[in-house]
C-alpha atoms as a PDB file:
ATOM      1  CA  MET A   1      21.958  32.125   1.489  1.00  0.00           C
ATOM      2  CA  ILE A   2      21.243  30.395   4.803  1.00  0.00           C
ATOM      3  CA  GLN A   3      19.420  33.252   6.468  1.00  0.00           C
ATOM      4  CA  ARG A   4      16.166  32.494   4.316  1.00  0.00           C
ATOM      5  CA  ILE A   5      12.919  31.623   6.013  1.00  0.00           C
ATOM      6  CA  GLN A   6      12.968  28.245   4.553  1.00  0.00           C
ATOM      7  CA  SER A   7      16.021  27.360   6.244  1.00  0.00           C
ATOM      8  CA  LEU A   8      14.733  27.929   9.403  1.00  0.00           C
ATOM      9  CA  PHE A   9      11.516  25.916   8.666  1.00  0.00           C
ATOM     10  CA  LEU A  10      13.841  22.900   7.492  1.00  0.00           C
ATOM     11  CA  LEU A  11      15.858  23.467  10.742  1.00  0.00           C
ATOM     12  CA  LEU A  12      12.626  23.141  12.841  1.00  0.00           C
ATOM     13  CA  ALA A  13      11.467  20.092  10.667  1.00  0.00           C
ATOM     14  CA  SER A  14      14.800  18.447  11.645  1.00  0.00           C
ATOM     15  CA  ALA A  15      14.388  19.161  15.308  1.00  0.00           C
ATOM     16  CA  ALA A  16      10.911  17.961  15.188  1.00  0.00           C
ATOM     17  CA  SER A  17      12.306  14.555  13.507  1.00  0.00           C
ATOM     18  CA  PHE A  18      14.794  14.289  16.004  1.00  0.00           C
ATOM     19  CA  GLY A  19      12.450  14.882  18.756  1.00  0.00           C
ATOM     20  CA  ILE A  20      10.631  11.760  18.005  1.00  0.00           C
ATOM     21  CA  PHE A  21      13.362   9.963  20.034  1.00  0.00           C
ATOM     22  CA  PHE A  22      12.612  11.850  23.153  1.00  0.00           C
ATOM     23  CA  SER A  23       8.761  11.246  23.421  1.00  0.00           C
ATOM     24  CA  PRO A  24       6.609   8.307  23.235  1.00  0.00           C
ATOM     25  CA  PHE A  25       3.927   7.935  20.333  1.00  0.00           C
ATOM     26  CA  ALA A  26       1.297   6.548  22.608  1.00  0.00           C
ATOM     27  CA  ARG A  27       0.210   4.877  26.021  1.00  0.00           C
ATOM     28  CA  PHE A  28      -2.002   2.073  26.742  1.00  0.00           C
ATOM     29  CA  TYR A  29      -3.366   1.788  30.180  1.00  0.00           C
ATOM     30  CA  SER A  30      -6.113  -0.225  31.658  1.00  0.00           C
ATOM     31  CA  GLY A  31      -5.896  -1.807  35.148  1.00  0.00           C
ATOM     32  CA  ASP A  32      -3.513  -4.570  34.881  1.00  0.00           C
ATOM     33  CA  ILE A  33      -2.008  -3.495  31.379  1.00  0.00           C
ATOM     34  CA  TYR A  34       0.297  -0.722  30.770  1.00  0.00           C
ATOM     35  CA  CYS A  35       2.171  -0.244  27.482  1.00  0.00           C
ATOM     36  CA  GLU A  36       4.167   2.385  26.198  1.00  0.00           C
ATOM     37  CA  PHE A  37       5.045   2.792  22.344  1.00  0.00           C
ATOM     38  CA  SER A  38       7.705   4.995  21.435  1.00  0.00           C
ATOM     39  CA  ALA A  39      10.284   4.931  18.529  1.00  0.00           C
ATOM     40  CA  LEU A  40      13.180   3.266  20.486  1.00  0.00           C
ATOM     41  CA  ARG A  41      11.134   0.407  22.284  1.00  0.00           C
ATOM     42  CA  ILE A  42       7.803  -0.759  23.231  1.00  0.00           C
ATOM     43  CA  THR A  43       7.576  -1.511  26.786  1.00  0.00           C
ATOM     44  CA  SER A  44       4.958  -3.567  28.414  1.00  0.00           C
ATOM     45  CA  ILE A  45       3.984  -4.346  32.049  1.00  0.00           C
ATOM     46  CA  SER A  46       1.093  -6.614  31.906  1.00  0.00           C
ATOM     47  CA  SER A  47      -0.206 -10.019  32.977  1.00  0.00           C
ATOM     48  CA  GLN A  48      -1.001 -11.134  29.270  1.00  0.00           C
ATOM     49  CA  ASP A  49       1.718 -11.929  26.698  1.00  0.00           C
ATOM     50  CA  ILE A  50       2.092  -9.256  24.121  1.00  0.00           C
ATOM     51  CA  THR A  51       3.913  -9.974  20.958  1.00  0.00           C
ATOM     52  CA  MET A  52       6.023  -6.486  20.311  1.00  0.00           C
ATOM     53  CA  PRO A  53       6.443  -5.563  16.782  1.00  0.00           C
ATOM     54  CA  ASN A  54       9.964  -4.093  15.837  1.00  0.00           C
ATOM     55  CA  THR A  55      10.692  -0.206  15.930  1.00  0.00           C
ATOM     56  CA  TRP A  56      13.543  -0.140  13.788  1.00  0.00           C
ATOM     57  CA  MET A  57      11.461   1.190  10.992  1.00  0.00           C
ATOM     58  CA  PHE A  58      10.558   4.409  13.040  1.00  0.00           C
ATOM     59  CA  ILE A  59      14.097   5.043  14.127  1.00  0.00           C
ATOM     60  CA  ALA A  60      15.339   4.627  10.523  1.00  0.00           C
ATOM     61  CA  LEU A  61      12.772   6.815   8.942  1.00  0.00           C
ATOM     62  CA  ALA A  62      13.012   9.730  11.915  1.00  0.00           C
ATOM     63  CA  ILE A  63      16.903   9.808  11.200  1.00  0.00           C
ATOM     64  CA  VAL A  64      16.413   9.823   7.491  1.00  0.00           C
ATOM     65  CA  ILE A  65      13.749  12.615   7.632  1.00  0.00           C
ATOM     66  CA  GLY A  66      15.953  14.710  10.093  1.00  0.00           C
ATOM     67  CA  LEU A  67      19.044  14.150   7.997  1.00  0.00           C
ATOM     68  CA  ILE A  68      17.449  14.969   4.566  1.00  0.00           C
ATOM     69  CA  SER A  69      15.837  18.218   6.214  1.00  0.00           C
ATOM     70  CA  PHE A  70      19.241  19.275   7.847  1.00  0.00           C
ATOM     71  CA  ILE A  71      21.237  18.646   4.772  1.00  0.00           C
ATOM     72  CA  THR A  72      18.747  20.475   2.462  1.00  0.00           C
ATOM     73  CA  ILE A  73      19.477  23.664   4.433  1.00  0.00           C
ATOM     74  CA  PHE A  74      22.834  23.841   2.868  1.00  0.00           C
ATOM     75  CA  LEU A  75      21.664  23.136  -0.732  1.00  0.00           C
ATOM     76  CA  TYR A  76      20.454  26.826  -0.989  1.00  0.00           C
ATOM     77  CA  LYS A  77      22.504  27.380  -4.279  1.00  0.00           C
ATOM     78  CA  ASN A  78      20.442  24.588  -5.975  1.00  0.00           C
ATOM     79  CA  ARG A  79      16.848  25.353  -5.350  1.00  0.00           C
ATOM     80  CA  LYS A  80      15.660  22.714  -7.776  1.00  0.00           C
ATOM     81  CA  LEU A  81      17.296  20.134  -5.786  1.00  0.00           C
ATOM     82  CA  GLN A  82      16.343  21.690  -2.620  1.00  0.00           C
ATOM     83  CA  SER A  83      12.622  21.587  -3.450  1.00  0.00           C
ATOM     84  CA  ASN A  84      12.835  17.880  -4.864  1.00  0.00           C
ATOM     85  CA  LEU A  85      14.629  16.828  -1.514  1.00  0.00           C
ATOM     86  CA  SER A  86      11.756  18.478   0.335  1.00  0.00           C
ATOM     87  CA  LYS A  87       9.083  16.953  -1.705  1.00  0.00           C
ATOM     88  CA  ILE A  88      10.831  13.345  -0.981  1.00  0.00           C
ATOM     89  CA  ASN A  89      10.955  14.408   2.735  1.00  0.00           C
ATOM     90  CA  ILE A  90       7.313  15.203   2.823  1.00  0.00           C
ATOM     91  CA  PHE A  91       6.488  11.778   1.195  1.00  0.00           C
ATOM     92  CA  LEU A  92       8.629  10.164   3.767  1.00  0.00           C
ATOM     93  CA  ASN A  93       7.017  12.140   6.501  1.00  0.00           C
ATOM     94  CA  ILE A  94       3.616  11.255   5.504  1.00  0.00           C
ATOM     95  CA  PHE A  95       4.731   7.509   5.373  1.00  0.00           C
ATOM     96  CA  LEU A  96       5.998   7.750   9.050  1.00  0.00           C
ATOM     97  CA  ILE A  97       2.696   9.254  10.150  1.00  0.00           C
ATOM     98  CA  LEU A  98       0.756   6.737   8.596  1.00  0.00           C
ATOM     99  CA  ILE A  99       2.886   3.591  10.016  1.00  0.00           C
ATOM    100  CA  ILE A 100       2.935   5.324  13.634  1.00  0.00           C
ATOM    101  CA  PHE A 101      -0.897   5.432  13.670  1.00  0.00           C
ATOM    102  CA  PHE A 102      -1.086   1.969  11.982  1.00  0.00           C
ATOM    103  CA  TYR A 103       1.109   0.362  14.542  1.00  0.00           C
ATOM    104  CA  ALA A 104      -0.622   2.192  17.498  1.00  0.00           C
ATOM    105  CA  ASP A 105      -3.886   1.140  16.049  1.00  0.00           C
ATOM    106  CA  ASN A 106      -2.855  -2.709  15.739  1.00  0.00           C
ATOM    107  CA  LEU A 107      -1.204  -2.652  19.201  1.00  0.00           C
ATOM    108  CA  SER A 108      -4.494  -1.414  20.737  1.00  0.00           C
ATOM    109  CA  LYS A 109      -6.183  -4.179  18.947  1.00  0.00           C
ATOM    110  CA  ILE A 110      -3.878  -6.722  20.340  1.00  0.00           C
ATOM    111  CA  ILE A 111      -4.263  -5.702  24.073  1.00  0.00           C
ATOM    112  CA  ASN A 112      -7.713  -4.441  23.875  1.00  0.00           C
ATOM    113  CA  VAL A 113      -6.781  -0.943  25.160  1.00  0.00           C
ATOM    114  CA  GLU A 114      -7.549   2.215  23.736  1.00  0.00           C
ATOM    115  CA  ALA A 115      -4.507   4.540  22.869  1.00  0.00           C
ATOM    116  CA  THR A 116      -3.588   7.631  24.352  1.00  0.00           C
ATOM    117  CA  TYR A 117      -1.596   9.514  21.960  1.00  0.00           C
ATOM    118  CA  LYS A 118       1.386  11.618  23.383  1.00  0.00           C
ATOM    119  CA  LEU A 119       3.574  14.273  21.788  1.00  0.00           C
ATOM    120  CA  GLY A 120       5.517  11.803  19.773  1.00  0.00           C
ATOM    121  CA  ALA A 121       2.757  10.964  17.642  1.00  0.00           C
ATOM    122  CA  TYR A 122       2.250  14.527  16.861  1.00  0.00           C
ATOM    123  CA  LEU A 123       5.841  15.592  16.158  1.00  0.00           C
ATOM    124  CA  PRO A 124       5.901  14.220  12.597  1.00  0.00           C
ATOM    125  CA  LEU A 125       2.843  16.298  11.872  1.00  0.00           C
ATOM    126  CA  VAL A 126       4.621  19.357  13.125  1.00  0.00           C
ATOM    127  CA  SER A 127       7.651  18.218  10.999  1.00  0.00           C
ATOM    128  CA  LEU A 128       5.444  17.891   7.994  1.00  0.00           C
ATOM    129  CA  LEU A 129       3.899  21.386   8.306  1.00  0.00           C
ATOM    130  CA  PHE A 130       7.412  22.887   8.523  1.00  0.00           C
ATOM    131  CA  LEU A 131       8.448  20.866   5.498  1.00  0.00           C
ATOM    132  CA  ILE A 132       5.485  22.089   3.554  1.00  0.00           C
ATOM    133  CA  LEU A 133       5.956  25.582   4.669  1.00  0.00           C
ATOM    134  CA  ALA A 134       9.884  25.366   3.609  1.00  0.00           C
ATOM    135  CA  ASN A 135       8.958  23.875   0.093  1.00  0.00           C
ATOM    136  CA  ARG A 136       6.399  26.621  -0.457  1.00  0.00           C
ATOM    137  CA  PHE A 137       9.156  29.359   0.268  1.00  0.00           C
ATOM    138  CA  ILE A 138      11.562  27.528  -1.814  1.00  0.00           C
ATOM    139  CA  ILE A 139       9.265  27.543  -4.792  1.00  0.00           C
ATOM    140  CA  LYS A 140       8.554  31.196  -4.125  1.00  0.00           C
ATOM    141  CA  ASP A 141      12.294  32.057  -4.100  1.00  0.00           C
ATOM    142  CA  GLU A 142      12.681  30.119  -7.525  1.00  0.00           C
ATOM    143  CA  LYS A 143       9.741  31.924  -9.213  1.00  0.00           C
ATOM    144  CA  LEU A 144      11.250  35.439  -7.869  1.00  0.00           C
ATOM    145  CA  ILE A 145      14.664  34.519  -9.405  1.00  0.00           C
ATOM    146  CA  ARG A 146      13.148  33.470 -12.740  1.00  0.00           C
ATOM    147  CA  SER A 147      11.094  36.701 -12.892  1.00  0.00           C
ATOM    148  CA  ALA A 148      14.308  38.792 -12.178  1.00  0.00           C
ATOM    149  CA  ASP A 149      16.093  36.987 -14.988  1.00  0.00           C
ATOM    150  CA  ARG A 150      13.361  37.896 -17.469  1.00  0.00           C
ATOM    151  CA  LEU A 151      13.909  41.619 -16.557  1.00  0.00           C
ATOM    152  CA  ARG A 152      17.421  41.343 -17.611  1.00  0.00           C
END
């Protein structure tokens, strides 16, 4: 049944994952240096030459996390598969969070400016929270179904 609470959580996790594209992860600003780090690009306006890392990994992970979350909504008949996909998605989301903060930290060391984290850096955390809640309710449904089968 699509109208379960975990479907709402999975939809919100998917929306948060795709929201990463519309908000920067961090900004670096100091006098003559301005740099913005987002999933789509790293823009830099400064007098010093800055070597920018590629952001394709953020794009790929955000798309995969968003799509898995969205596809998982429609796997309500197979709760075990739904739970396993949610767990994989949680792992991917944790990996995304780690590399976002790792890249931002490395970029702040390169340009010697402290990072100001923006909404995009926290959206994967929100997505992770929704995925954990969805997985919790999927497992709860599975236990409820198993207990009802025992009564028959």
